[in-house]
All heavy atoms as atom14 arrays in JSON, in Angstrom:
{
  "sequence": "DGIPTYNFCAVVDDALMQVTHIIRGEDHLANTPKQIQLYRAFGYPMP",
  "atom14_mask": [
    [1, 1, 1, 1, 1, 1, 1, 1, 0, 0, 0, 0, 0, 0],
    [1, 1, 1, 1, 0, 0, 0, 0, 0, 0, 0, 0, 0, 0],
    [1, 1, 1, 1, 1, 1, 1, 1, 0, 0, 0, 0, 0, 0],
    [1, 1, 1, 1, 1, 1, 1, 0, 0, 0, 0, 0, 0, 0],
    [1, 1, 1, 1, 1, 1, 1, 0, 0, 0, 0, 0, 0, 0],
    [1, 1, 1, 1, 1, 1, 1, 1, 1, 1, 1, 1, 0, 0],
    [1, 1, 1, 1, 1, 1, 1, 1, 0, 0, 0, 0, 0, 0],
    [1, 1, 1, 1, 1, 1, 1, 1, 1, 1, 1, 0, 0, 0],
    [1, 1, 1, 1, 1, 1, 0, 0, 0, 0, 0, 0, 0, 0],
    [1, 1, 1, 1, 1, 0, 0, 0, 0, 0, 0, 0, 0, 0],
    [1, 1, 1, 1, 1, 1, 1, 0, 0, 0, 0, 0, 0, 0],
    [1, 1, 1, 1, 1, 1, 1, 0, 0, 0, 0, 0, 0, 0],
    [1, 1, 1, 1, 1, 1, 1, 1, 0, 0, 0, 0, 0, 0],
    [1, 1, 1, 1, 1, 1, 1, 1, 0, 0, 0, 0, 0, 0],
    [1, 1, 1, 1, 1, 0, 0, 0, 0, 0, 0, 0, 0, 0],
    [1, 1, 1, 1, 1, 1, 1, 1, 0, 0, 0, 0, 0, 0],
    [1, 1, 1, 1, 1, 1, 1, 1, 0, 0, 0, 0, 0, 0],
    [1, 1, 1, 1, 1, 1, 1, 1, 1, 0, 0, 0, 0, 0],
    [1, 1, 1, 1, 1, 1, 1, 0, 0, 0, 0, 0, 0, 0],
    [1, 1, 1, 1, 1, 1, 1, 0, 0, 0, 0, 0, 0, 0],
    [1, 1, 1, 1, 1, 1, 1, 1, 1, 1, 0, 0, 0, 0],
    [1, 1, 1, 1, 1, 1, 1, 1, 0, 0, 0, 0, 0, 0],
    [1, 1, 1, 1, 1, 1, 1, 1, 0, 0, 0, 0, 0, 0],
    [1, 1, 1, 1, 1, 1, 1, 1, 1, 1, 1, 0, 0, 0],
    [1, 1, 1, 1, 0, 0, 0, 0, 0, 0, 0, 0, 0, 0],
    [1, 1, 1, 1, 1, 1, 1, 1, 1, 0, 0, 0, 0, 0],
    [1, 1, 1, 1, 1, 1, 1, 1, 0, 0, 0, 0, 0, 0],
    [1, 1, 1, 1, 1, 1, 1, 1, 1, 1, 0, 0, 0, 0],
    [1, 1, 1, 1, 1, 1, 1, 1, 0, 0, 0, 0, 0, 0],
    [1, 1, 1, 1, 1, 0, 0, 0, 0, 0, 0, 0, 0, 0],
    [1, 1, 1, 1, 1, 1, 1, 1, 0, 0, 0, 0, 0, 0],
    [1, 1, 1, 1, 1, 1, 1, 0, 0, 0, 0, 0, 0, 0],
    [1, 1, 1, 1, 1, 1, 1, 0, 0, 0, 0, 0, 0, 0],
    [1, 1, 1, 1, 1, 1, 1, 1, 1, 0, 0, 0, 0, 0],
    [1, 1, 1, 1, 1, 1, 1, 1, 1, 0, 0, 0, 0, 0],
    [1, 1, 1, 1, 1, 1, 1, 1, 0, 0, 0, 0, 0, 0],
    [1, 1, 1, 1, 1, 1, 1, 1, 1, 0, 0, 0, 0, 0],
    [1, 1, 1, 1, 1, 1, 1, 1, 0, 0, 0, 0, 0, 0],
    [1, 1, 1, 1, 1, 1, 1, 1, 1, 1, 1, 1, 0, 0],
    [1, 1, 1, 1, 1, 1, 1, 1, 1, 1, 1, 0, 0, 0],
    [1, 1, 1, 1, 1, 0, 0, 0, 0, 0, 0, 0, 0, 0],
    [1, 1, 1, 1, 1, 1, 1, 1, 1, 1, 1, 0, 0, 0],
    [1, 1, 1, 1, 0, 0, 0, 0, 0, 0, 0, 0, 0, 0],
    [1, 1, 1, 1, 1, 1, 1, 1, 1, 1, 1, 1, 0, 0],
    [1, 1, 1, 1, 1, 1, 1, 0, 0, 0, 0, 0, 0, 0],
    [1, 1, 1, 1, 1, 1, 1, 1, 0, 0, 0, 0, 0, 0],
    [1, 1, 1, 1, 1, 1, 1, 0, 0, 0, 0, 0, 0, 0]
  ],
  "atom14_positions": [
    [[86.45, -147.49, -32.37], [87.61, -148.36, -32.22], [88.6, -147.91, -31.16], [89.67, -148.43, -31.03], [88.34, -148.46, -33.61], [88.81, -147.12, -34.15], [88.64, -146.06, -33.4], [89.36, -147.05, -35.28], [0.0, 0.0, 0.0], [0.0, 0.0, 0.0], [0.0, 0.0, 0.0], [0.0, 0.0, 0.0], [0.0, 0.0, 0.0], [0.0, 0.0, 0.0]],
    [[88.2, -146.86, -30.4], [89.03, -146.36, -29.32], [90.02, -145.31, -29.73], [90.8, -144.8, -28.88], [0.0, 0.0, 0.0], [0.0, 0.0, 0.0], [0.0, 0.0, 0.0], [0.0, 0.0, 0.0], [0.0, 0.0, 0.0], [0.0, 0.0, 0.0], [0.0, 0.0, 0.0], [0.0, 0.0, 0.0], [0.0, 0.0, 0.0], [0.0, 0.0, 0.0]],
    [[90.08, -144.92, -31.01], [91.02, -143.93, -31.48], [90.46, -142.57, -31.28], [89.34, -142.22, -31.76], [91.36, -144.13, -32.99], [91.9, -145.53, -33.23], [92.34, -143.08, -33.47], [93.19, -145.79, -32.52], [0.0, 0.0, 0.0], [0.0, 0.0, 0.0], [0.0, 0.0, 0.0], [0.0, 0.0, 0.0], [0.0, 0.0, 0.0], [0.0, 0.0, 0.0]],
    [[91.12, -141.64, -30.56], [90.64, -140.3, -30.36], [90.74, -139.48, -31.64], [91.53, -139.77, -32.54], [91.58, -139.74, -29.32], [92.85, -140.52, -29.43], [92.42, -141.87, -29.89], [0.0, 0.0, 0.0], [0.0, 0.0, 0.0], [0.0, 0.0, 0.0], [0.0, 0.0, 0.0], [0.0, 0.0, 0.0], [0.0, 0.0, 0.0], [0.0, 0.0, 0.0]],
    [[89.9, -138.48, -31.78], [89.85, -137.68, -33.02], [90.75, -136.47, -32.94], [91.25, -136.06, -31.87], [88.4, -137.19, -33.25], [88.0, -136.42, -32.13], [87.48, -138.4, -33.42], [0.0, 0.0, 0.0], [0.0, 0.0, 0.0], [0.0, 0.0, 0.0], [0.0, 0.0, 0.0], [0.0, 0.0, 0.0], [0.0, 0.0, 0.0], [0.0, 0.0, 0.0]],
    [[90.97, -135.84, -34.06], [91.91, -134.75, -34.2], [91.61, -133.61, -33.29], [92.48, -133.14, -32.52], [91.95, -134.22, -35.67], [92.48, -132.84, -35.79], [93.86, -132.59, -35.63], [91.61, -131.73, -35.95], [94.37, -131.33, -35.7], [92.15, -130.46, -35.94], [93.54, -130.26, -35.84], [94.03, -128.99, -35.9], [0.0, 0.0, 0.0], [0.0, 0.0, 0.0]],
    [[90.41, -133.07, -33.31], [90.07, -131.92, -32.51], [90.28, -132.14, -31.02], [90.76, -131.26, -30.29], [88.65, -131.44, -32.77], [88.52, -130.64, -34.06], [89.06, -129.55, -34.2], [87.78, -131.19, -35.0], [0.0, 0.0, 0.0], [0.0, 0.0, 0.0], [0.0, 0.0, 0.0], [0.0, 0.0, 0.0], [0.0, 0.0, 0.0], [0.0, 0.0, 0.0]],
    [[89.92, -133.34, -30.56], [90.03, -133.67, -29.17], [91.52, -133.78, -28.76], [91.97, -133.17, -27.76], [89.32, -135.03, -28.89], [89.4, -135.51, -27.47], [89.06, -134.68, -26.43], [89.78, -136.8, -27.24], [89.1, -135.13, -25.1], [89.85, -137.26, -25.92], [89.53, -136.42, -24.84], [0.0, 0.0, 0.0], [0.0, 0.0, 0.0], [0.0, 0.0, 0.0]],
    [[92.3, -134.48, -29.54], [93.75, -134.66, -29.25], [94.43, -133.32, -29.26], [95.3, -133.02, -28.42], [94.37, -135.59, -30.27], [93.81, -137.29, -30.18], [0.0, 0.0, 0.0], [0.0, 0.0, 0.0], [0.0, 0.0, 0.0], [0.0, 0.0, 0.0], [0.0, 0.0, 0.0], [0.0, 0.0, 0.0], [0.0, 0.0, 0.0], [0.0, 0.0, 0.0]],
    [[94.11, -132.48, -30.24], [94.75, -131.19, -30.4], [94.56, -130.31, -29.13], [95.48, -129.65, -28.65], [94.26, -130.45, -31.62], [0.0, 0.0, 0.0], [0.0, 0.0, 0.0], [0.0, 0.0, 0.0], [0.0, 0.0, 0.0], [0.0, 0.0, 0.0], [0.0, 0.0, 0.0], [0.0, 0.0, 0.0], [0.0, 0.0, 0.0], [0.0, 0.0, 0.0]],
    [[93.33, -130.33, -28.61], [93.05, -129.5, -27.43], [93.77, -130.03, -26.21], [94.41, -129.29, -25.49], [91.5, -129.45, -27.16], [91.24, -128.85, -25.81], [90.8, -128.65, -28.25], [0.0, 0.0, 0.0], [0.0, 0.0, 0.0], [0.0, 0.0, 0.0], [0.0, 0.0, 0.0], [0.0, 0.0, 0.0], [0.0, 0.0, 0.0], [0.0, 0.0, 0.0]],
    [[93.73, -131.34, -26.03], [94.42, -131.96, -24.89], [95.94, -131.65, -24.96], [96.56, -131.21, -23.99], [94.21, -133.47, -24.83], [95.08, -134.12, -23.76], [92.74, -133.79, -24.58], [0.0, 0.0, 0.0], [0.0, 0.0, 0.0], [0.0, 0.0, 0.0], [0.0, 0.0, 0.0], [0.0, 0.0, 0.0], [0.0, 0.0, 0.0], [0.0, 0.0, 0.0]],
    [[96.5, -131.87, -26.14], [97.97, -131.6, -26.27], [98.31, -130.12, -26.11], [99.28, -129.8, -25.4], [98.44, -132.11, -27.64], [98.49, -133.62, -27.74], [98.59, -134.25, -26.68], [98.45, -134.15, -28.84], [0.0, 0.0, 0.0], [0.0, 0.0, 0.0], [0.0, 0.0, 0.0], [0.0, 0.0, 0.0], [0.0, 0.0, 0.0], [0.0, 0.0, 0.0]],
    [[97.57, -129.25, -26.79], [97.89, -127.85, -26.68], [97.75, -127.35, -25.21], [98.58, -126.52, -24.73], [96.94, -127.03, -27.61], [97.35, -127.15, -29.06], [98.51, -127.44, -29.34], [96.48, -127.01, -29.91], [0.0, 0.0, 0.0], [0.0, 0.0, 0.0], [0.0, 0.0, 0.0], [0.0, 0.0, 0.0], [0.0, 0.0, 0.0], [0.0, 0.0, 0.0]],
    [[96.77, -127.87, -24.53], [96.6, -127.46, -23.15], [97.7, -127.99, -22.23], [98.32, -127.2, -21.48], [95.22, -127.99, -22.61], [0.0, 0.0, 0.0], [0.0, 0.0, 0.0], [0.0, 0.0, 0.0], [0.0, 0.0, 0.0], [0.0, 0.0, 0.0], [0.0, 0.0, 0.0], [0.0, 0.0, 0.0], [0.0, 0.0, 0.0], [0.0, 0.0, 0.0]],
    [[98.01, -129.25, -22.38], [99.09, -129.84, -21.53], [100.47, -129.31, -21.9], [101.35, -129.26, -21.03], [99.06, -131.35, -21.66], [97.76, -132.06, -21.13], [97.9, -133.55, -21.24], [97.45, -131.63, -19.69], [0.0, 0.0, 0.0], [0.0, 0.0, 0.0], [0.0, 0.0, 0.0], [0.0, 0.0, 0.0], [0.0, 0.0, 0.0], [0.0, 0.0, 0.0]],
    [[100.67, -128.93, -23.15], [101.97, -128.39, -23.58], [101.99, -126.88, -23.33], [102.97, -126.25, -23.7], [102.23, -128.72, -25.04], [102.42, -130.21, -25.27], [102.6, -130.64, -27.02], [102.62, -132.43, -26.93], [0.0, 0.0, 0.0], [0.0, 0.0, 0.0], [0.0, 0.0, 0.0], [0.0, 0.0, 0.0], [0.0, 0.0, 0.0], [0.0, 0.0, 0.0]],
    [[100.92, -126.34, -22.79], [100.86, -124.92, -22.42], [101.08, -124.0, -23.61], [101.77, -122.98, -23.5], [101.83, -124.61, -21.29], [101.56, -125.42, -20.0], [102.53, -125.1, -18.92], [103.78, -125.24, -19.1], [102.03, -124.67, -17.73], [0.0, 0.0, 0.0], [0.0, 0.0, 0.0], [0.0, 0.0, 0.0], [0.0, 0.0, 0.0], [0.0, 0.0, 0.0]],
    [[100.51, -124.39, -24.76], [100.66, -123.56, -25.96], [99.85, -122.29, -25.75], [98.67, -122.32, -25.38], [100.13, -124.35, -27.18], [100.11, -123.42, -28.41], [101.04, -125.54, -27.43], [0.0, 0.0, 0.0], [0.0, 0.0, 0.0], [0.0, 0.0, 0.0], [0.0, 0.0, 0.0], [0.0, 0.0, 0.0], [0.0, 0.0, 0.0], [0.0, 0.0, 0.0]],
    [[100.48, -121.16, -25.94], [99.8, -119.85, -25.75], [99.26, -119.26, -27.03], [98.3, -118.48, -26.99], [100.78, -118.84, -25.13], [101.89, -118.63, -26.06], [101.32, -119.38, -23.8], [0.0, 0.0, 0.0], [0.0, 0.0, 0.0], [0.0, 0.0, 0.0], [0.0, 0.0, 0.0], [0.0, 0.0, 0.0], [0.0, 0.0, 0.0], [0.0, 0.0, 0.0]],
    [[99.86, -119.63, -28.21], [99.42, -119.07, -29.48], [99.39, -120.2, -30.5], [100.42, -120.83, -30.76], [100.39, -117.97, -29.95], [100.38, -116.75, -29.06], [101.01, -116.73, -27.84], [99.8, -115.52, -29.22], [100.84, -115.51, -27.29], [100.12, -114.8, -28.11], [0.0, 0.0, 0.0], [0.0, 0.0, 0.0], [0.0, 0.0, 0.0], [0.0, 0.0, 0.0]],
    [[98.2, -120.39, -31.06], [98.03, -121.39, -32.1], [97.95, -120.69, -33.45], [96.99, -119.98, -33.73], [96.74, -122.22, -31.88], [96.9, -123.01, -30.55], [96.48, -123.14, -33.04], [95.67, -123.78, -30.16], [0.0, 0.0, 0.0], [0.0, 0.0, 0.0], [0.0, 0.0, 0.0], [0.0, 0.0, 0.0], [0.0, 0.0, 0.0], [0.0, 0.0, 0.0]],
    [[98.97, -120.81, -34.23], [99.11, -120.19, -35.53], [98.95, -121.28, -36.58], [99.76, -122.23, -36.62], [100.42, -119.47, -35.68], [100.57, -118.42, -34.59], [100.53, -118.84, -37.09], [101.95, -117.77, -34.52], [0.0, 0.0, 0.0], [0.0, 0.0, 0.0], [0.0, 0.0, 0.0], [0.0, 0.0, 0.0], [0.0, 0.0, 0.0], [0.0, 0.0, 0.0]],
    [[97.94, -121.2, -37.44], [97.69, -122.28, -38.39], [96.91, -121.69, -39.57], [96.51, -120.55, -39.56], [96.91, -123.41, -37.74], [95.59, -123.0, -37.13], [95.03, -124.13, -36.32], [93.76, -123.82, -35.69], [93.15, -124.58, -34.77], [93.72, -125.73, -34.43], [92.01, -124.23, -34.26], [0.0, 0.0, 0.0], [0.0, 0.0, 0.0], [0.0, 0.0, 0.0]],
    [[96.75, -122.56, -40.61], [96.05, -122.1, -41.84], [94.57, -121.88, -41.56], [93.96, -122.47, -40.69], [0.0, 0.0, 0.0], [0.0, 0.0, 0.0], [0.0, 0.0, 0.0], [0.0, 0.0, 0.0], [0.0, 0.0, 0.0], [0.0, 0.0, 0.0], [0.0, 0.0, 0.0], [0.0, 0.0, 0.0], [0.0, 0.0, 0.0], [0.0, 0.0, 0.0]],
    [[93.98, -120.98, -42.42], [92.58, -120.66, -42.21], [91.61, -121.83, -42.51], [90.45, -121.8, -42.21], [92.18, -119.49, -43.06], [92.22, -119.67, -44.55], [91.82, -118.4, -45.29], [91.59, -117.36, -44.68], [91.69, -118.48, -46.55], [0.0, 0.0, 0.0], [0.0, 0.0, 0.0], [0.0, 0.0, 0.0], [0.0, 0.0, 0.0], [0.0, 0.0, 0.0]],
    [[92.17, -122.91, -43.14], [91.34, -124.08, -43.34], [91.03, -124.76, -42.02], [90.1, -125.64, -42.0], [92.02, -125.06, -44.3], [93.47, -125.37, -43.94], [94.09, -124.56, -43.26], [93.94, -126.46, -44.33], [0.0, 0.0, 0.0], [0.0, 0.0, 0.0], [0.0, 0.0, 0.0], [0.0, 0.0, 0.0], [0.0, 0.0, 0.0], [0.0, 0.0, 0.0]],
    [[91.69, -124.39, -40.96], [91.38, -124.94, -39.62], [90.4, -124.08, -38.88], [89.98, -124.41, -37.72], [92.67, -125.08, -38.8], [93.5, -126.25, -39.19], [93.24, -127.55, -38.74], [94.63, -126.34, -39.95], [94.13, -128.35, -39.19], [94.98, -127.68, -39.96], [0.0, 0.0, 0.0], [0.0, 0.0, 0.0], [0.0, 0.0, 0.0], [0.0, 0.0, 0.0]],
    [[89.93, -122.96, -39.46], [89.1, -122.06, -38.72], [87.77, -122.74, -38.3], [87.27, -122.45, -37.21], [88.77, -120.82, -39.59], [87.92, -119.72, -38.92], [88.61, -119.18, -37.7], [87.67, -118.58, -39.92], [0.0, 0.0, 0.0], [0.0, 0.0, 0.0], [0.0, 0.0, 0.0], [0.0, 0.0, 0.0], [0.0, 0.0, 0.0], [0.0, 0.0, 0.0]],
    [[87.27, -123.64, -39.1], [86.02, -124.36, -38.77], [86.21, -125.22, -37.53], [85.18, -125.49, -36.83], [85.54, -125.19, -39.93], [0.0, 0.0, 0.0], [0.0, 0.0, 0.0], [0.0, 0.0, 0.0], [0.0, 0.0, 0.0], [0.0, 0.0, 0.0], [0.0, 0.0, 0.0], [0.0, 0.0, 0.0], [0.0, 0.0, 0.0], [0.0, 0.0, 0.0]],
    [[87.43, -125.63, -37.19], [87.66, -126.43, -36.02], [87.75, -125.62, -34.73], [87.52, -126.15, -33.65], [89.03, -127.21, -36.18], [88.97, -128.23, -37.28], [87.98, -128.94, -37.46], [90.04, -128.31, -38.05], [0.0, 0.0, 0.0], [0.0, 0.0, 0.0], [0.0, 0.0, 0.0], [0.0, 0.0, 0.0], [0.0, 0.0, 0.0], [0.0, 0.0, 0.0]],
    [[88.03, -124.31, -34.88], [88.34, -123.53, -33.73], [87.17, -123.37, -32.73], [87.41, -123.53, -31.49], [88.88, -122.16, -34.15], [89.99, -122.35, -35.02], [89.31, -121.3, -32.95], [0.0, 0.0, 0.0], [0.0, 0.0, 0.0], [0.0, 0.0, 0.0], [0.0, 0.0, 0.0], [0.0, 0.0, 0.0], [0.0, 0.0, 0.0], [0.0, 0.0, 0.0]],
    [[85.93, -123.12, -33.17], [84.84, -123.0, -32.15], [84.66, -124.34, -31.37], [84.38, -124.29, -30.17], [83.61, -122.61, -32.97], [83.97, -122.98, -34.36], [85.44, -122.8, -34.49], [0.0, 0.0, 0.0], [0.0, 0.0, 0.0], [0.0, 0.0, 0.0], [0.0, 0.0, 0.0], [0.0, 0.0, 0.0], [0.0, 0.0, 0.0], [0.0, 0.0, 0.0]],
    [[84.8, -125.46, -32.02], [84.71, -126.76, -31.31], [85.8, -126.85, -30.27], [85.57, -127.34, -29.17], [84.82, -127.89, -32.38], [83.86, -127.78, -33.53], [84.23, -128.79, -34.63], [83.46, -128.57, -35.89], [83.89, -129.52, -37.0], [0.0, 0.0, 0.0], [0.0, 0.0, 0.0], [0.0, 0.0, 0.0], [0.0, 0.0, 0.0], [0.0, 0.0, 0.0]],
    [[87.0, -126.46, -30.65], [88.12, -126.54, -29.71], [87.95, -125.59, -28.54], [88.3, -125.91, -27.38], [89.41, -126.35, -30.46], [89.69, -127.45, -31.48], [90.98, -127.21, -32.26], [91.67, -126.24, -32.07], [91.28, -128.12, -33.21], [0.0, 0.0, 0.0], [0.0, 0.0, 0.0], [0.0, 0.0, 0.0], [0.0, 0.0, 0.0], [0.0, 0.0, 0.0]],
    [[87.45, -124.38, -28.86], [87.23, -123.43, -27.75], [86.22, -124.0, -26.75], [86.42, -123.84, -25.51], [86.71, -122.09, -28.34], [87.88, -121.37, -29.03], [86.1, -121.18, -27.27], [87.49, -120.09, -29.76], [0.0, 0.0, 0.0], [0.0, 0.0, 0.0], [0.0, 0.0, 0.0], [0.0, 0.0, 0.0], [0.0, 0.0, 0.0], [0.0, 0.0, 0.0]],
    [[85.19, -124.65, -27.21], [84.18, -125.24, -26.32], [84.83, -126.35, -25.45], [84.48, -126.45, -24.26], [83.04, -125.75, -27.13], [82.18, -124.69, -27.76], [81.02, -125.24, -28.58], [80.84, -126.44, -28.73], [80.21, -124.34, -29.11], [0.0, 0.0, 0.0], [0.0, 0.0, 0.0], [0.0, 0.0, 0.0], [0.0, 0.0, 0.0], [0.0, 0.0, 0.0]],
    [[85.74, -127.11, -26.03], [86.45, -128.14, -25.26], [87.31, -127.5, -24.19], [87.38, -128.03, -23.03], [87.27, -129.01, -26.18], [86.51, -130.07, -27.01], [87.38, -130.7, -28.06], [85.91, -131.13, -26.06], [0.0, 0.0, 0.0], [0.0, 0.0, 0.0], [0.0, 0.0, 0.0], [0.0, 0.0, 0.0], [0.0, 0.0, 0.0], [0.0, 0.0, 0.0]],
    [[88.04, -126.42, -24.53], [88.83, -125.74, -23.55], [87.98, -125.32, -22.34], [88.38, -125.47, -21.18], [89.5, -124.5, -24.14], [90.82, -124.76, -24.81], [90.93, -124.92, -26.2], [91.97, -124.8, -24.04], [92.15, -125.15, -26.78], [93.22, -125.04, -24.63], [93.29, -125.21, -25.99], [94.5, -125.44, -26.6], [0.0, 0.0, 0.0], [0.0, 0.0, 0.0]],
    [[86.83, -124.74, -22.64], [85.96, -124.27, -21.58], [85.45, -125.45, -20.71], [85.33, -125.33, -19.5], [84.79, -123.56, -22.2], [85.13, -122.19, -22.78], [84.02, -121.55, -23.49], [84.36, -120.25, -24.03], [83.72, -119.59, -24.97], [82.64, -120.15, -25.5], [84.14, -118.39, -25.37], [0.0, 0.0, 0.0], [0.0, 0.0, 0.0], [0.0, 0.0, 0.0]],
    [[85.13, -126.61, -21.35], [84.64, -127.76, -20.64], [85.73, -128.3, -19.68], [85.44, -128.73, -18.55], [84.19, -128.84, -21.6], [0.0, 0.0, 0.0], [0.0, 0.0, 0.0], [0.0, 0.0, 0.0], [0.0, 0.0, 0.0], [0.0, 0.0, 0.0], [0.0, 0.0, 0.0], [0.0, 0.0, 0.0], [0.0, 0.0, 0.0], [0.0, 0.0, 0.0]],
    [[86.94, -128.26, -20.15], [88.07, -128.74, -19.29], [88.49, -127.7, -18.23], [89.09, -128.05, -17.23], [89.27, -129.11, -20.14], [89.18, -130.39, -20.87], [89.32, -130.46, -22.25], [89.02, -131.57, -20.16], [89.25, -131.66, -22.94], [88.94, -132.81, -20.81], [89.08, -132.83, -22.22], [0.0, 0.0, 0.0], [0.0, 0.0, 0.0], [0.0, 0.0, 0.0]],
    [[88.17, -126.45, -18.48], [88.64, -125.4, -17.65], [90.08, -125.03, -17.83], [90.73, -124.43, -16.96], [0.0, 0.0, 0.0], [0.0, 0.0, 0.0], [0.0, 0.0, 0.0], [0.0, 0.0, 0.0], [0.0, 0.0, 0.0], [0.0, 0.0, 0.0], [0.0, 0.0, 0.0], [0.0, 0.0, 0.0], [0.0, 0.0, 0.0], [0.0, 0.0, 0.0]],
    [[90.64, -125.31, -19.05], [92.01, -124.98, -19.34], [92.09, -123.49, -19.83], [91.16, -122.99, -20.43], [92.56, -125.86, -20.42], [92.92, -127.28, -19.96], [92.49, -128.42, -20.63], [93.72, -127.47, -18.85], [92.85, -129.69, -20.21], [94.09, -128.73, -18.42], [93.62, -129.82, -19.1], [93.97, -131.1, -18.66], [0.0, 0.0, 0.0], [0.0, 0.0, 0.0]],
    [[93.23, -122.85, -19.61], [93.44, -121.52, -20.12], [93.31, -121.5, -21.67], [93.76, -122.41, -22.35], [94.87, -121.11, -19.71], [95.16, -122.08, -18.55], [94.4, -123.35, -18.81], [0.0, 0.0, 0.0], [0.0, 0.0, 0.0], [0.0, 0.0, 0.0], [0.0, 0.0, 0.0], [0.0, 0.0, 0.0], [0.0, 0.0, 0.0], [0.0, 0.0, 0.0]],
    [[92.66, -120.47, -22.15], [92.44, -120.34, -23.61], [93.64, -119.8, -24.29], [94.13, -118.73, -23.93], [91.19, -119.49, -23.86], [90.66, -119.59, -25.29], [89.82, -121.17, -25.61], [88.43, -121.03, -24.46], [0.0, 0.0, 0.0], [0.0, 0.0, 0.0], [0.0, 0.0, 0.0], [0.0, 0.0, 0.0], [0.0, 0.0, 0.0], [0.0, 0.0, 0.0]],
    [[94.14, -120.45, -25.37], [95.23, -119.87, -26.14], [94.69, -118.8, -27.09], [93.48, -118.69, -27.32], [95.77, -121.04, -26.9], [94.61, -121.93, -27.1], [93.77, -121.8, -25.87], [0.0, 0.0, 0.0], [0.0, 0.0, 0.0], [0.0, 0.0, 0.0], [0.0, 0.0, 0.0], [0.0, 0.0, 0.0], [0.0, 0.0, 0.0], [0.0, 0.0, 0.0]]
  ]
}
């Protein structure tokens, strides 16, 4: 339907907002490797 998903939006926003430290609950740990791979694909600095 054209709506972007959580993991994708979070990476784009964190990168563009130049977030250096992502502090969140451990229930998000499963999302982190997916987001790290997106950072690498974009070539953005890793938080």
